[in-house]
């Protein structure tokens, strides 16, 4: 993930603002999430799987 990435969904749940992002990440309960989004000025959607488990 690079600077400028705009998150549009978490686990296929649309994200419109920071509050919705926080809620979606908390709902993941430390598991895995899939972030999807765009880079302004570039075509296409990009996805990043993340593991939120702390060890």
N, C-alpha and C. Protein backbone atom coordinates (compact mmCIF):
# COMPACT_ATOMS: atom_id res chain seq x y z
N UNK A 1 0.85 -1.15 0.00
CA UNK A 1 0.00 0.00 0.00
C UNK A 1 0.91 1.23 0.00
N UNK A 2 0.56 2.20 -0.83
CA UNK A 2 1.37 3.40 -0.94
C UNK A 2 0.59 4.63 -0.50
N UNK A 3 1.33 5.68 -0.22
CA UNK A 3 0.71 6.95 0.17
C UNK A 3 -0.30 7.38 -0.89
N UNK A 4 -1.43 7.88 -0.44
CA UNK A 4 -2.48 8.35 -1.34
C UNK A 4 -3.59 7.35 -1.57
N UNK A 5 -3.42 6.12 -1.08
CA UNK A 5 -4.45 5.09 -1.25
C UNK A 5 -5.72 5.52 -0.54
N UNK A 6 -6.84 5.45 -1.26
CA UNK A 6 -8.14 5.82 -0.70
C UNK A 6 -8.95 4.54 -0.51
N UNK A 7 -9.24 4.21 0.75
CA UNK A 7 -9.99 2.99 1.07
C UNK A 7 -11.46 3.20 0.74
N UNK A 8 -12.00 2.29 -0.08
CA UNK A 8 -13.40 2.38 -0.46
C UNK A 8 -14.27 1.28 0.16
N UNK A 9 -13.60 0.18 0.60
CA UNK A 9 -14.37 -0.87 1.28
C UNK A 9 -13.46 -1.72 2.15
N UNK A 10 -14.06 -2.30 3.17
CA UNK A 10 -13.40 -3.25 4.06
C UNK A 10 -14.28 -4.49 4.10
N UNK A 11 -13.73 -5.63 3.69
CA UNK A 11 -14.50 -6.88 3.64
C UNK A 11 -15.82 -6.69 2.90
N UNK A 12 -15.75 -6.01 1.78
CA UNK A 12 -16.89 -5.74 0.89
C UNK A 12 -17.93 -4.80 1.49
N UNK A 13 -17.62 -4.14 2.58
CA UNK A 13 -18.51 -3.16 3.18
C UNK A 13 -18.03 -1.77 2.76
N UNK A 14 -18.89 -1.01 2.12
CA UNK A 14 -18.51 0.31 1.62
C UNK A 14 -18.09 1.23 2.77
N UNK A 15 -17.02 1.98 2.54
CA UNK A 15 -16.49 2.91 3.52
C UNK A 15 -16.58 4.32 2.93
N UNK A 16 -17.24 5.22 3.65
CA UNK A 16 -17.41 6.59 3.17
C UNK A 16 -16.64 7.62 4.00
N UNK A 17 -16.23 7.23 5.22
CA UNK A 17 -15.53 8.18 6.08
C UNK A 17 -14.72 7.43 7.13
N UNK A 18 -13.97 8.18 7.92
CA UNK A 18 -13.10 7.56 8.92
C UNK A 18 -13.87 6.81 10.00
N UNK A 19 -15.04 7.30 10.38
CA UNK A 19 -15.84 6.61 11.39
C UNK A 19 -16.26 5.22 10.90
N UNK A 20 -16.67 5.12 9.62
CA UNK A 20 -17.05 3.83 9.07
C UNK A 20 -15.85 2.90 8.97
N UNK A 21 -14.68 3.45 8.66
CA UNK A 21 -13.46 2.64 8.61
C UNK A 21 -13.15 2.07 10.00
N UNK A 22 -13.21 2.92 11.01
CA UNK A 22 -12.94 2.47 12.38
C UNK A 22 -13.91 1.38 12.80
N UNK A 23 -15.19 1.56 12.51
CA UNK A 23 -16.21 0.58 12.87
C UNK A 23 -15.94 -0.76 12.18
N UNK A 24 -15.58 -0.72 10.91
CA UNK A 24 -15.32 -1.95 10.15
C UNK A 24 -14.09 -2.68 10.69
N UNK A 25 -13.06 -1.93 11.05
CA UNK A 25 -11.85 -2.57 11.58
C UNK A 25 -12.08 -3.16 12.96
N UNK A 26 -12.85 -2.48 13.80
CA UNK A 26 -13.19 -3.01 15.13
C UNK A 26 -14.04 -4.27 14.97
N UNK A 27 -14.95 -4.27 14.01
CA UNK A 27 -15.82 -5.43 13.79
C UNK A 27 -15.03 -6.66 13.35
N UNK A 28 -13.86 -6.45 12.77
CA UNK A 28 -13.01 -7.57 12.33
C UNK A 28 -12.44 -8.33 13.53
N UNK A 29 -12.47 -7.75 14.70
CA UNK A 29 -12.06 -8.38 15.96
C UNK A 29 -10.66 -8.98 15.89
N UNK A 30 -9.74 -8.24 15.30
CA UNK A 30 -8.37 -8.70 15.26
C UNK A 30 -8.09 -9.81 14.26
N UNK A 31 -9.03 -10.07 13.37
CA UNK A 31 -8.84 -11.12 12.37
C UNK A 31 -8.25 -10.56 11.09
N UNK A 32 -8.61 -11.17 10.00
CA UNK A 32 -8.13 -10.73 8.70
C UNK A 32 -9.16 -9.81 8.05
N UNK A 33 -8.66 -8.84 7.30
CA UNK A 33 -9.54 -7.94 6.55
C UNK A 33 -8.99 -7.79 5.14
N UNK A 34 -9.86 -7.40 4.25
CA UNK A 34 -9.47 -7.11 2.87
C UNK A 34 -9.85 -5.66 2.60
N UNK A 35 -8.84 -4.82 2.43
CA UNK A 35 -9.07 -3.43 2.10
C UNK A 35 -9.09 -3.29 0.59
N UNK A 36 -10.06 -2.56 0.08
CA UNK A 36 -10.11 -2.26 -1.35
C UNK A 36 -10.17 -0.76 -1.50
N UNK A 37 -9.57 -0.27 -2.57
CA UNK A 37 -9.59 1.16 -2.79
C UNK A 37 -8.95 1.56 -4.10
N UNK A 38 -8.68 2.83 -4.20
CA UNK A 38 -8.14 3.40 -5.43
C UNK A 38 -6.95 4.30 -5.12
N UNK A 39 -6.19 4.55 -6.14
CA UNK A 39 -5.15 5.59 -6.10
C UNK A 39 -5.62 6.67 -7.05
N UNK A 40 -5.91 7.87 -6.54
CA UNK A 40 -6.38 8.95 -7.41
C UNK A 40 -5.41 9.16 -8.58
N UNK A 41 -5.98 9.28 -9.77
CA UNK A 41 -5.19 9.48 -10.96
C UNK A 41 -4.80 8.20 -11.68
N UNK A 42 -5.12 7.04 -11.08
CA UNK A 42 -4.80 5.76 -11.69
C UNK A 42 -6.08 4.97 -11.90
N UNK A 43 -6.11 4.18 -12.96
CA UNK A 43 -7.28 3.34 -13.24
C UNK A 43 -7.24 2.08 -12.41
N UNK A 44 -8.41 1.58 -12.09
CA UNK A 44 -8.51 0.30 -11.42
C UNK A 44 -8.68 0.39 -9.92
N UNK A 45 -9.06 -0.75 -9.37
CA UNK A 45 -9.23 -0.91 -7.93
C UNK A 45 -8.15 -1.86 -7.44
N UNK A 46 -7.63 -1.56 -6.28
CA UNK A 46 -6.57 -2.37 -5.69
C UNK A 46 -7.05 -2.97 -4.38
N UNK A 47 -6.58 -4.17 -4.07
CA UNK A 47 -6.99 -4.86 -2.85
C UNK A 47 -5.75 -5.27 -2.05
N UNK A 48 -5.86 -5.13 -0.73
CA UNK A 48 -4.79 -5.52 0.17
C UNK A 48 -5.35 -6.35 1.32
N UNK A 49 -4.98 -7.62 1.40
CA UNK A 49 -5.39 -8.42 2.56
C UNK A 49 -4.47 -8.10 3.74
N UNK A 50 -5.06 -7.92 4.91
CA UNK A 50 -4.29 -7.61 6.11
C UNK A 50 -4.68 -8.55 7.24
N UNK A 51 -3.71 -8.94 8.04
CA UNK A 51 -3.95 -9.73 9.23
C UNK A 51 -3.81 -8.79 10.42
N UNK A 52 -4.86 -8.59 11.17
CA UNK A 52 -4.87 -7.66 12.30
C UNK A 52 -4.54 -8.32 13.63
N UNK A 53 -4.21 -9.58 13.60
CA UNK A 53 -3.90 -10.28 14.85
C UNK A 53 -2.61 -9.76 15.43
N UNK A 54 -2.62 -9.50 16.72
CA UNK A 54 -1.38 -9.11 17.40
C UNK A 54 -0.80 -10.34 18.06
N UNK A 55 0.50 -10.44 18.01
CA UNK A 55 1.14 -11.62 18.58
C UNK A 55 2.07 -11.26 19.68
